[in-house]
Structure formats: structure tokens, C-alpha cells
């Protein structure tokens, strides 16, 4: 069972993701296995402040049960394709959490 603190973090994350979609018409998507509908992770592009500048950032997270199976690559490629080919963005950045 999730702790109250974890529930608050998840609710805050979901609220921010929904607000981003409302403001920008793009954001994060949830990915599931097509065969079983099991959760894989989330990925997408979103506004983020990086080194003091507003950037469009590639963001993703993969369930630890799905690591080392190519899902991060597949999800990232899908998000980048939307960003560059559909939204015609000129730049998308990616930042490793340890670099922040």
C-alpha cells in the first residue's frame, strides 16, 4: 500500500502533467504493453527550466521490471518523432538527473 506521502507526490505529478497538456497541447504519455496492457512507464516532451532557460525536454521513466528491454529507447523515439515531425520543434533537450 502506498504511503500518504507517495499518494500526494503521484497526485501532484498527475495534476502538473494534466495542466501542461491543457496549456501546451503536448506532454507526457503513459505506455503499456500492447499484449497484456501492463504498465511500462511514461515518456513525452514537456516544458522545463534547464540552466535558467525554458526548454522543451524529453522526459521518461520505465518501470524497473521493464529495464534493459529497449522500452526507454522506443518511448523516447516516439516522443521525439512527435516533437520534431508533428510539432515542428527545432530543439529538444534531455537532462540526466545526476547533472542537475
PDB file of N, CA and C in Angstrom:
ATOM      1  N   UNK A   1       0.845  -1.176   0.000  1.00  0.00           N
ATOM      2  CA  UNK A   1       0.000   0.000   0.000  1.00  0.00           C
ATOM      3  C   UNK A   1       0.892   1.241   0.000  1.00  0.00           C
ATOM      4  N   UNK A   2       0.529   2.206  -0.810  1.00  0.00           N
ATOM      5  CA  UNK A   2       1.306   3.446  -0.917  1.00  0.00           C
ATOM      6  C   UNK A   2       1.082   4.318   0.313  1.00  0.00           C
ATOM      7  N   UNK A   3       2.136   4.992   0.723  1.00  0.00           N
ATOM      8  CA  UNK A   3       2.011   5.893   1.856  1.00  0.00           C
ATOM      9  C   UNK A   3       1.274   7.155   1.434  1.00  0.00           C
ATOM     10  N   UNK A   4       0.817   7.887   2.410  1.00  0.00           N
ATOM     11  CA  UNK A   4       0.130   9.147   2.134  1.00  0.00           C
ATOM     12  C   UNK A   4       1.040  10.106   1.374  1.00  0.00           C
ATOM     13  N   UNK A   5       2.310  10.141   1.744  1.00  0.00           N
ATOM     14  CA  UNK A   5       3.282  10.997   1.077  1.00  0.00           C
ATOM     15  C   UNK A   5       3.444  10.607  -0.396  1.00  0.00           C
ATOM     16  N   UNK A   6       3.502   9.304  -0.677  1.00  0.00           N
ATOM     17  CA  UNK A   6       3.628   8.826  -2.052  1.00  0.00           C
ATOM     18  C   UNK A   6       2.382   9.187  -2.844  1.00  0.00           C
ATOM     19  N   UNK A   7       1.222   9.049  -2.246  1.00  0.00           N
ATOM     20  CA  UNK A   7      -0.029   9.410  -2.936  1.00  0.00           C
ATOM     21  C   UNK A   7      -0.046  10.891  -3.283  1.00  0.00           C
ATOM     22  N   UNK A   8       0.423  11.712  -2.384  1.00  0.00           N
ATOM     23  CA  UNK A   8       0.458  13.164  -2.638  1.00  0.00           C
ATOM     24  C   UNK A   8       1.415  13.469  -3.777  1.00  0.00           C
ATOM     25  N   UNK A   9       2.586  12.828  -3.793  1.00  0.00           N
ATOM     26  CA  UNK A   9       3.553  13.041  -4.888  1.00  0.00           C
ATOM     27  C   UNK A   9       2.968  12.620  -6.230  1.00  0.00           C
ATOM     28  N   UNK A  10       2.297  11.471  -6.260  1.00  0.00           N
ATOM     29  CA  UNK A  10       1.689  10.994  -7.505  1.00  0.00           C
ATOM     30  C   UNK A  10       0.579  11.934  -7.950  1.00  0.00           C
ATOM     31  N   UNK A  11      -0.267  12.349  -7.032  1.00  0.00           N
ATOM     32  CA  UNK A  11      -1.362  13.266  -7.373  1.00  0.00           C
ATOM     33  C   UNK A  11      -0.821  14.591  -7.902  1.00  0.00           C
ATOM     34  N   UNK A  12       0.228  15.098  -7.289  1.00  0.00           N
ATOM     35  CA  UNK A  12       0.850  16.349  -7.741  1.00  0.00           C
ATOM     36  C   UNK A  12       1.447  16.176  -9.132  1.00  0.00           C
ATOM     37  N   UNK A  13       2.144  15.069  -9.367  1.00  0.00           N
ATOM     38  CA  UNK A  13       2.723  14.780 -10.682  1.00  0.00           C
ATOM     39  C   UNK A  13       1.636  14.730 -11.746  1.00  0.00           C
ATOM     40  N   UNK A  14       0.558  14.013 -11.468  1.00  0.00           N
ATOM     41  CA  UNK A  14      -0.536  13.892 -12.437  1.00  0.00           C
ATOM     42  C   UNK A  14      -1.221  15.226 -12.694  1.00  0.00           C
ATOM     43  N   UNK A  15      -1.401  16.012 -11.655  1.00  0.00           N
ATOM     44  CA  UNK A  15      -2.016  17.330 -11.824  1.00  0.00           C
ATOM     45  C   UNK A  15      -1.150  18.226 -12.702  1.00  0.00           C
ATOM     46  N   UNK A  16       0.146  18.243 -12.459  1.00  0.00           N
ATOM     47  CA  UNK A  16       1.056  19.056 -13.279  1.00  0.00           C
ATOM     48  C   UNK A  16       1.081  18.573 -14.728  1.00  0.00           C
ATOM     49  N   UNK A  17       1.072  17.256 -14.924  1.00  0.00           N
ATOM     50  CA  UNK A  17       1.073  16.718 -16.284  1.00  0.00           C
ATOM     51  C   UNK A  17      -0.204  17.116 -17.017  1.00  0.00           C
ATOM     52  N   UNK A  18      -1.346  17.044 -16.350  1.00  0.00           N
ATOM     53  CA  UNK A  18      -2.615  17.436 -16.966  1.00  0.00           C
ATOM     54  C   UNK A  18      -2.644  18.931 -17.270  1.00  0.00           C
ATOM     55  N   UNK A  19      -2.119  19.745 -16.365  1.00  0.00           N
ATOM     56  CA  UNK A  19      -2.057  21.192 -16.599  1.00  0.00           C
ATOM     57  C   UNK A  19      -1.164  21.512 -17.796  1.00  0.00           C
ATOM     58  N   UNK A  20      -0.047  20.793 -17.933  1.00  0.00           N
ATOM     59  CA  UNK A  20       0.854  21.011 -19.063  1.00  0.00           C
ATOM     60  C   UNK A  20       0.123  20.734 -20.364  1.00  0.00           C
ATOM     61  N   UNK A  21      -0.608  19.609 -20.432  1.00  0.00           N
ATOM     62  CA  UNK A  21      -1.389  19.295 -21.632  1.00  0.00           C
ATOM     63  C   UNK A  21      -2.382  20.412 -21.940  1.00  0.00           C
ATOM     64  N   UNK A  22      -3.064  20.909 -20.924  1.00  0.00           N
ATOM     65  CA  UNK A  22      -4.058  21.974 -21.122  1.00  0.00           C
ATOM     66  C   UNK A  22      -3.424  23.246 -21.667  1.00  0.00           C
ATOM     67  N   UNK A  23      -2.242  23.566 -21.192  1.00  0.00           N
ATOM     68  CA  UNK A  23      -1.567  24.796 -21.616  1.00  0.00           C
ATOM     69  C   UNK A  23      -0.887  24.682 -22.976  1.00  0.00           C
ATOM     70  N   UNK A  24      -0.323  23.517 -23.307  1.00  0.00           N
ATOM     71  CA  UNK A  24       0.573  23.403 -24.459  1.00  0.00           C
ATOM     72  C   UNK A  24       0.132  22.406 -25.531  1.00  0.00           C
ATOM     73  N   UNK A  25      -0.889  21.638 -25.270  1.00  0.00           N
ATOM     74  CA  UNK A  25      -1.359  20.604 -26.209  1.00  0.00           C
ATOM     75  C   UNK A  25      -0.319  19.522 -26.494  1.00  0.00           C
ATOM     76  N   UNK A  26       0.610  19.330 -25.600  1.00  0.00           N
ATOM     77  CA  UNK A  26       1.525  18.188 -25.633  1.00  0.00           C
ATOM     78  C   UNK A  26       2.031  17.957 -24.227  1.00  0.00           C
ATOM     79  N   UNK A  27       2.614  16.782 -24.020  1.00  0.00           N
ATOM     80  CA  UNK A  27       3.110  16.459 -22.686  1.00  0.00           C
ATOM     81  C   UNK A  27       3.556  15.015 -22.602  1.00  0.00           C
ATOM     82  N   UNK A  28       3.253  14.386 -21.482  1.00  0.00           N
ATOM     83  CA  UNK A  28       3.680  13.014 -21.213  1.00  0.00           C
ATOM     84  C   UNK A  28       2.576  12.030 -21.556  1.00  0.00           C
ATOM     85  N   UNK A  29       2.993  10.853 -22.040  1.00  0.00           N
ATOM     86  CA  UNK A  29       2.070   9.759 -22.332  1.00  0.00           C
ATOM     87  C   UNK A  29       2.416   8.577 -21.437  1.00  0.00           C
ATOM     88  N   UNK A  30       1.411   7.761 -21.153  1.00  0.00           N
ATOM     89  CA  UNK A  30       1.626   6.518 -20.419  1.00  0.00           C
ATOM     90  C   UNK A  30       1.744   5.397 -21.441  1.00  0.00           C
ATOM     91  N   UNK A  31       2.702   4.503 -21.241  1.00  0.00           N
ATOM     92  CA  UNK A  31       2.929   3.392 -22.155  1.00  0.00           C
ATOM     93  C   UNK A  31       2.608   2.075 -21.458  1.00  0.00           C
ATOM     94  N   UNK A  32       1.907   1.214 -22.193  1.00  0.00           N
ATOM     95  CA  UNK A  32       1.530  -0.117 -21.722  1.00  0.00           C
ATOM     96  C   UNK A  32       1.996  -1.151 -22.736  1.00  0.00           C
ATOM     97  N   UNK A  33       2.208  -2.385 -22.289  1.00  0.00           N
ATOM     98  CA  UNK A  33       2.469  -3.475 -23.219  1.00  0.00           C
ATOM     99  C   UNK A  33       1.199  -3.721 -24.027  1.00  0.00           C
ATOM    100  N   UNK A  34       1.328  -3.807 -25.325  1.00  0.00           N
ATOM    101  CA  UNK A  34       0.143  -3.996 -26.161  1.00  0.00           C
ATOM    102  C   UNK A  34      -0.508  -5.359 -25.930  1.00  0.00           C
ATOM    103  N   UNK A  35       0.283  -6.357 -25.596  1.00  0.00           N
ATOM    104  CA  UNK A  35      -0.252  -7.714 -25.438  1.00  0.00           C
ATOM    105  C   UNK A  35      -1.010  -7.918 -24.129  1.00  0.00           C
ATOM    106  N   UNK A  36      -0.560  -7.257 -23.055  1.00  0.00           N
ATOM    107  CA  UNK A  36      -1.158  -7.513 -21.738  1.00  0.00           C
ATOM    108  C   UNK A  36      -1.750  -6.274 -21.080  1.00  0.00           C
ATOM    109  N   UNK A  37      -1.443  -5.116 -21.623  1.00  0.00           N
ATOM    110  CA  UNK A  37      -1.847  -3.832 -21.046  1.00  0.00           C
ATOM    111  C   UNK A  37      -1.136  -3.543 -19.721  1.00  0.00           C
ATOM    112  N   UNK A  38      -0.043  -4.246 -19.434  1.00  0.00           N
ATOM    113  CA  UNK A  38       0.754  -3.971 -18.238  1.00  0.00           C
ATOM    114  C   UNK A  38       1.483  -2.642 -18.411  1.00  0.00           C
ATOM    115  N   UNK A  39       1.600  -1.898 -17.325  1.00  0.00           N
ATOM    116  CA  UNK A  39       2.277  -0.609 -17.323  1.00  0.00           C
ATOM    117  C   UNK A  39       3.757  -0.791 -17.623  1.00  0.00           C
ATOM    118  N   UNK A  40       4.282   0.027 -18.542  1.00  0.00           N
ATOM    119  CA  UNK A  40       5.712   0.031 -18.871  1.00  0.00           C
ATOM    120  C   UNK A  40       6.378   1.265 -18.283  1.00  0.00           C
ATOM    121  N   UNK A  41       5.773   2.430 -18.480  1.00  0.00           N
ATOM    122  CA  UNK A  41       6.350   3.670 -17.996  1.00  0.00           C
ATOM    123  C   UNK A  41       5.664   4.855 -18.640  1.00  0.00           C
ATOM    124  N   UNK A  42       6.311   6.004 -18.556  1.00  0.00           N
ATOM    125  CA  UNK A  42       5.779   7.186 -19.229  1.00  0.00           C
ATOM    126  C   UNK A  42       6.918   7.876 -19.970  1.00  0.00           C
ATOM    127  N   UNK A  43       6.535   8.634 -20.978  1.00  0.00           N
ATOM    128  CA  UNK A  43       7.515   9.398 -21.741  1.00  0.00           C
ATOM    129  C   UNK A  43       6.789  10.500 -22.486  1.00  0.00           C
ATOM    130  N   UNK A  44       7.542  11.483 -22.898  1.00  0.00           N
ATOM    131  CA  UNK A  44       6.980  12.568 -23.690  1.00  0.00           C
ATOM    132  C   UNK A  44       7.917  13.751 -23.688  1.00  0.00           C
ATOM    133  N   UNK A  45       7.371  14.858 -24.096  1.00  0.00           N
ATOM    134  CA  UNK A  45       8.124  16.112 -24.103  1.00  0.00           C
ATOM    135  C   UNK A  45       7.341  17.133 -23.312  1.00  0.00           C
ATOM    136  N   UNK A  46       8.072  17.989 -22.619  1.00  0.00           N
ATOM    137  CA  UNK A  46       7.420  18.980 -21.762  1.00  0.00           C
ATOM    138  C   UNK A  46       8.322  20.187 -21.584  1.00  0.00           C
ATOM    139  N   UNK A  47       7.705  21.289 -21.207  1.00  0.00           N
ATOM    140  CA  UNK A  47       8.486  22.480 -20.872  1.00  0.00           C
ATOM    141  C   UNK A  47       9.211  22.228 -19.555  1.00  0.00           C
ATOM    142  N   UNK A  48      10.445  22.676 -19.480  1.00  0.00           N
ATOM    143  CA  UNK A  48      11.234  22.562 -18.258  1.00  0.00           C
ATOM    144  C   UNK A  48      12.256  23.690 -18.245  1.00  0.00           C
ATOM    145  N   UNK A  49      12.607  24.143 -17.069  1.00  0.00           N
ATOM    146  CA  UNK A  49      13.662  25.144 -16.938  1.00  0.00           C
ATOM    147  C   UNK A  49      14.978  24.388 -16.784  1.00  0.00           C
ATOM    148  N   UNK A  50      15.878  24.616 -17.742  1.00  0.00           N
ATOM    149  CA  UNK A  50      17.185  23.964 -17.753  1.00  0.00           C
ATOM    150  C   UNK A  50      18.236  25.067 -17.810  1.00  0.00           C
ATOM    151  N   UNK A  51      19.079  25.106 -16.779  1.00  0.00           N
ATOM    152  CA  UNK A  51      20.120  26.133 -16.671  1.00  0.00           C
ATOM    153  C   UNK A  51      19.531  27.529 -16.858  1.00  0.00           C
ATOM    154  N   UNK A  52      18.367  27.745 -16.257  1.00  0.00           N
ATOM    155  CA  UNK A  52      17.734  29.060 -16.263  1.00  0.00           C
ATOM    156  C   UNK A  52      16.956  29.406 -17.526  1.00  0.00           C
ATOM    157  N   UNK A  53      16.883  28.476 -18.486  1.00  0.00           N
ATOM    158  CA  UNK A  53      16.175  28.737 -19.739  1.00  0.00           C
ATOM    159  C   UNK A  53      14.975  27.804 -19.878  1.00  0.00           C
ATOM    160  N   UNK A  54      13.872  28.330 -20.440  1.00  0.00           N
ATOM    161  CA  UNK A  54      12.729  27.479 -20.757  1.00  0.00           C
ATOM    162  C   UNK A  54      13.081  26.638 -21.967  1.00  0.00           C
ATOM    163  N   UNK A  55      13.048  25.343 -21.806  1.00  0.00           N
ATOM    164  CA  UNK A  55      13.383  24.399 -22.877  1.00  0.00           C
ATOM    165  C   UNK A  55      12.244  23.400 -23.029  1.00  0.00           C
ATOM    166  N   UNK A  56      12.244  22.682 -24.133  1.00  0.00           N
ATOM    167  CA  UNK A  56      11.384  21.521 -24.293  1.00  0.00           C
ATOM    168  C   UNK A  56      12.261  20.321 -23.998  1.00  0.00           C
ATOM    169  N   UNK A  57      11.848  19.536 -23.031  1.00  0.00           N
ATOM    170  CA  UNK A  57      12.678  18.443 -22.528  1.00  0.00           C
ATOM    171  C   UNK A  57      12.049  17.089 -22.849  1.00  0.00           C
ATOM    172  N   UNK A  58      12.872  16.146 -23.253  1.00  0.00           N
ATOM    173  CA  UNK A  58      12.469  14.755 -23.342  1.00  0.00           C
ATOM    174  C   UNK A  58      12.474  14.199 -21.924  1.00  0.00           C
ATOM    175  N   UNK A  59      11.376  13.585 -21.536  1.00  0.00           N
ATOM    176  CA  UNK A  59      11.290  13.002 -20.192  1.00  0.00           C
ATOM    177  C   UNK A  59      10.758  11.581 -20.315  1.00  0.00           C
ATOM    178  N   UNK A  60      11.293  10.681 -19.510  1.00  0.00           N
ATOM    179  CA  UNK A  60      10.762   9.326 -19.494  1.00  0.00           C
ATOM    180  C   UNK A  60      11.141   8.637 -18.196  1.00  0.00           C
ATOM    181  N   UNK A  61      10.363   7.639 -17.859  1.00  0.00           N
ATOM    182  CA  UNK A  61      10.652   6.754 -16.737  1.00  0.00           C
ATOM    183  C   UNK A  61      10.101   5.383 -17.094  1.00  0.00           C
ATOM    184  N   UNK A  62      10.862   4.365 -16.799  1.00  0.00           N
ATOM    185  CA  UNK A  62      10.476   2.998 -17.118  1.00  0.00           C
ATOM    186  C   UNK A  62      10.400   2.208 -15.815  1.00  0.00           C
ATOM    187  N   UNK A  63       9.339   1.426 -15.673  1.00  0.00           N
ATOM    188  CA  UNK A  63       9.195   0.547 -14.515  1.00  0.00           C
ATOM    189  C   UNK A  63      10.427  -0.352 -14.409  1.00  0.00           C
ATOM    190  N   UNK A  64      10.946  -0.527 -13.218  1.00  0.00           N
ATOM    191  CA  UNK A  64      12.169  -1.316 -13.054  1.00  0.00           C
ATOM    192  C   UNK A  64      12.001  -2.747 -13.569  1.00  0.00           C
ATOM    193  N   UNK A  65      10.797  -3.271 -13.560  1.00  0.00           N
ATOM    194  CA  UNK A  65      10.550  -4.616 -14.089  1.00  0.00           C
ATOM    195  C   UNK A  65      10.750  -4.674 -15.601  1.00  0.00           C
ATOM    196  N   UNK A  66      10.800  -3.513 -16.248  1.00  0.00           N
ATOM    197  CA  UNK A  66      10.920  -3.447 -17.718  1.00  0.00           C
ATOM    198  C   UNK A  66      12.276  -2.905 -18.178  1.00  0.00           C
ATOM    199  N   UNK A  67      13.222  -2.720 -17.265  1.00  0.00           N
ATOM    200  CA  UNK A  67      14.536  -2.213 -17.633  1.00  0.00           C
ATOM    201  C   UNK A  67      15.254  -3.186 -18.569  1.00  0.00           C
ATOM    202  N   UNK A  68      16.143  -2.641 -19.395  1.00  0.00           N
ATOM    203  CA  UNK A  68      17.016  -3.413 -20.285  1.00  0.00           C
ATOM    204  C   UNK A  68      16.263  -4.227 -21.333  1.00  0.00           C
ATOM    205  N   UNK A  69      15.117  -3.695 -21.743  1.00  0.00           N
ATOM    206  CA  UNK A  69      14.331  -4.375 -22.769  1.00  0.00           C
ATOM    207  C   UNK A  69      14.055  -3.455 -23.957  1.00  0.00           C
ATOM    208  N   UNK A  70      14.689  -2.277 -23.980  1.00  0.00           N
ATOM    209  CA  UNK A  70      14.534  -1.372 -25.107  1.00  0.00           C
ATOM    210  C   UNK A  70      13.351  -0.422 -25.021  1.00  0.00           C
ATOM    211  N   UNK A  71      12.607  -0.467 -23.921  1.00  0.00           N
ATOM    212  CA  UNK A  71      11.421   0.384 -23.821  1.00  0.00           C
ATOM    213  C   UNK A  71      11.757   1.867 -23.734  1.00  0.00           C
ATOM    214  N   UNK A  72      12.811   2.221 -23.026  1.00  0.00           N
ATOM    215  CA  UNK A  72      13.189   3.638 -22.926  1.00  0.00           C
ATOM    216  C   UNK A  72      13.511   4.191 -24.311  1.00  0.00           C
ATOM    217  N   UNK A  73      14.223   3.416 -25.094  1.00  0.00           N
ATOM    218  CA  UNK A  73      14.554   3.844 -26.455  1.00  0.00           C
ATOM    219  C   UNK A  73      13.292   3.995 -27.292  1.00  0.00           C
ATOM    220  N   UNK A  74      12.420   3.006 -27.251  1.00  0.00           N
ATOM    221  CA  UNK A  74      11.193   3.035 -28.048  1.00  0.00           C
ATOM    222  C   UNK A  74      10.294   4.212 -27.654  1.00  0.00           C
ATOM    223  N   UNK A  75      10.138   4.431 -26.362  1.00  0.00           N
ATOM    224  CA  UNK A  75       9.289   5.531 -25.894  1.00  0.00           C
ATOM    225  C   UNK A  75       9.907   6.878 -26.258  1.00  0.00           C
ATOM    226  N   UNK A  76      11.211   7.005 -26.097  1.00  0.00           N
ATOM    227  CA  UNK A  76      11.901   8.260 -26.419  1.00  0.00           C
ATOM    228  C   UNK A  76      11.809   8.569 -27.906  1.00  0.00           C
ATOM    229  N   UNK A  77      12.004   7.562 -28.743  1.00  0.00           N
ATOM    230  CA  UNK A  77      11.895   7.774 -30.192  1.00  0.00           C
ATOM    231  C   UNK A  77      10.493   8.245 -30.573  1.00  0.00           C
ATOM    232  N   UNK A  78       9.466   7.676 -29.958  1.00  0.00           N
ATOM    233  CA  UNK A  78       8.091   8.086 -30.250  1.00  0.00           C
ATOM    234  C   UNK A  78       7.866   9.542 -29.840  1.00  0.00           C
ATOM    235  N   UNK A  79       8.360   9.924 -28.666  1.00  0.00           N
ATOM    236  CA  UNK A  79       8.195  11.299 -28.191  1.00  0.00           C
ATOM    237  C   UNK A  79       8.948  12.284 -29.078  1.00  0.00           C
ATOM    238  N   UNK A  80      10.168  11.937 -29.462  1.00  0.00           N
ATOM    239  CA  UNK A  80      10.958  12.823 -30.322  1.00  0.00           C
ATOM    240  C   UNK A  80      10.326  12.965 -31.707  1.00  0.00           C
ATOM    241  N   UNK A  81       9.765  11.899 -32.214  1.00  0.00           N
ATOM    242  CA  UNK A  81       9.099  11.951 -33.517  1.00  0.00           C
ATOM    243  C   UNK A  81       7.940  12.944 -33.480  1.00  0.00           C
ATOM    244  N   UNK A  82       7.140  12.879 -32.439  1.00  0.00           N
ATOM    245  CA  UNK A  82       6.032  13.836 -32.298  1.00  0.00           C
ATOM    246  C   UNK A  82       6.582  15.252 -32.214  1.00  0.00           C
ATOM    247  N   UNK A  83       7.600  15.452 -31.384  1.00  0.00           N
ATOM    248  CA  UNK A  83       8.168  16.789 -31.205  1.00  0.00           C
ATOM    249  C   UNK A  83       8.706  17.389 -32.480  1.00  0.00           C
ATOM    250  N   UNK A  84       9.474  16.620 -33.219  1.00  0.00           N
ATOM    251  CA  UNK A  84      10.115  17.153 -34.421  1.00  0.00           C
ATOM    252  C   UNK A  84       9.216  17.101 -35.657  1.00  0.00           C
ATOM    253  N   UNK A  85       8.506  15.999 -35.848  1.00  0.00           N
ATOM    254  CA  UNK A  85       7.745  15.832 -37.085  1.00  0.00           C
ATOM    255  C   UNK A  85       6.334  16.414 -37.028  1.00  0.00           C
ATOM    256  N   UNK A  86       5.687  16.352 -35.868  1.00  0.00           N
ATOM    257  CA  UNK A  86       4.316  16.849 -35.777  1.00  0.00           C
ATOM    258  C   UNK A  86       4.236  18.261 -35.215  1.00  0.00           C
ATOM    259  N   UNK A  87       5.049  18.540 -34.208  1.00  0.00           N
ATOM    260  CA  UNK A  87       5.022  19.867 -33.592  1.00  0.00           C
ATOM    261  C   UNK A  87       6.052  20.814 -34.217  1.00  0.00           C
ATOM    262  N   UNK A  88       6.944  20.278 -35.033  1.00  0.00           N
ATOM    263  CA  UNK A  88       7.966  21.057 -35.743  1.00  0.00           C
ATOM    264  C   UNK A  88       8.848  21.865 -34.791  1.00  0.00           C
ATOM    265  N   UNK A  89       9.194  21.246 -33.669  1.00  0.00           N
ATOM    266  CA  UNK A  89      10.112  21.886 -32.735  1.00  0.00           C
ATOM    267  C   UNK A  89      11.518  21.863 -33.322  1.00  0.00           C
ATOM    268  N   UNK A  90      12.287  22.886 -33.027  1.00  0.00           N
ATOM    269  CA  UNK A  90      13.660  22.949 -33.517  1.00  0.00           C
ATOM    270  C   UNK A  90      14.651  22.296 -32.559  1.00  0.00           C
ATOM    271  N   UNK A  91      14.282  22.218 -31.285  1.00  0.00           N
ATOM    272  CA  UNK A  91      15.231  21.751 -30.278  1.00  0.00           C
ATOM    273  C   UNK A  91      14.479  21.027 -29.175  1.00  0.00           C
ATOM    274  N   UNK A  92      15.003  19.902 -28.755  1.00  0.00           N
ATOM    275  CA  UNK A  92      14.514  19.162 -27.595  1.00  0.00           C
ATOM    276  C   UNK A  92      15.746  18.752 -26.809  1.00  0.00           C
ATOM    277  N   UNK A  93      15.759  19.015 -25.525  1.00  0.00           N
ATOM    278  CA  UNK A  93      16.906  18.682 -24.691  1.00  0.00           C
ATOM    279  C   UNK A  93      16.576  17.481 -23.814  1.00  0.00           C
ATOM    280  N   UNK A  94      17.613  16.829 -23.326  1.00  0.00           N
ATOM    281  CA  UNK A  94      17.475  15.759 -22.348  1.00  0.00           C
ATOM    282  C   UNK A  94      18.525  15.986 -21.272  1.00  0.00           C
ATOM    283  N   UNK A  95      18.108  15.880 -20.036  1.00  0.00           N
ATOM    284  CA  UNK A  95      18.999  16.134 -18.910  1.00  0.00           C
ATOM    285  C   UNK A  95      18.964  14.930 -17.979  1.00  0.00           C
ATOM    286  N   UNK A  96      20.125  14.417 -17.651  1.00  0.00           N
ATOM    287  CA  UNK A  96      20.221  13.312 -16.703  1.00  0.00           C
ATOM    288  C   UNK A  96      20.046  13.877 -15.290  1.00  0.00           C
ATOM    289  N   UNK A  97      19.242  13.231 -14.434  1.00  0.00           N
ATOM    290  CA  UNK A  97      19.009  13.778 -13.075  1.00  0.00           C
ATOM    291  C   UNK A  97      20.285  14.054 -12.295  1.00  0.00           C
ATOM    292  N   UNK A  98      21.319  13.273 -12.490  1.00  0.00           N
ATOM    293  CA  UNK A  98      22.571  13.498 -11.759  1.00  0.00           C
ATOM    294  C   UNK A  98      23.250  14.786 -12.192  1.00  0.00           C
ATOM    295  N   UNK A  99      22.911  15.274 -13.372  1.00  0.00           N
ATOM    296  CA  UNK A  99      23.537  16.504 -13.896  1.00  0.00           C
ATOM    297  C   UNK A  99      22.878  17.758 -13.362  1.00  0.00           C
ATOM    298  N   UNK A 100      21.742  17.626 -12.722  1.00  0.00           N
ATOM    299  CA  UNK A 100      21.016  18.813 -12.269  1.00  0.00           C
ATOM    300  C   UNK A 100      21.522  19.314 -10.939  1.00  0.00           C
TER     301      UNK A 100
END
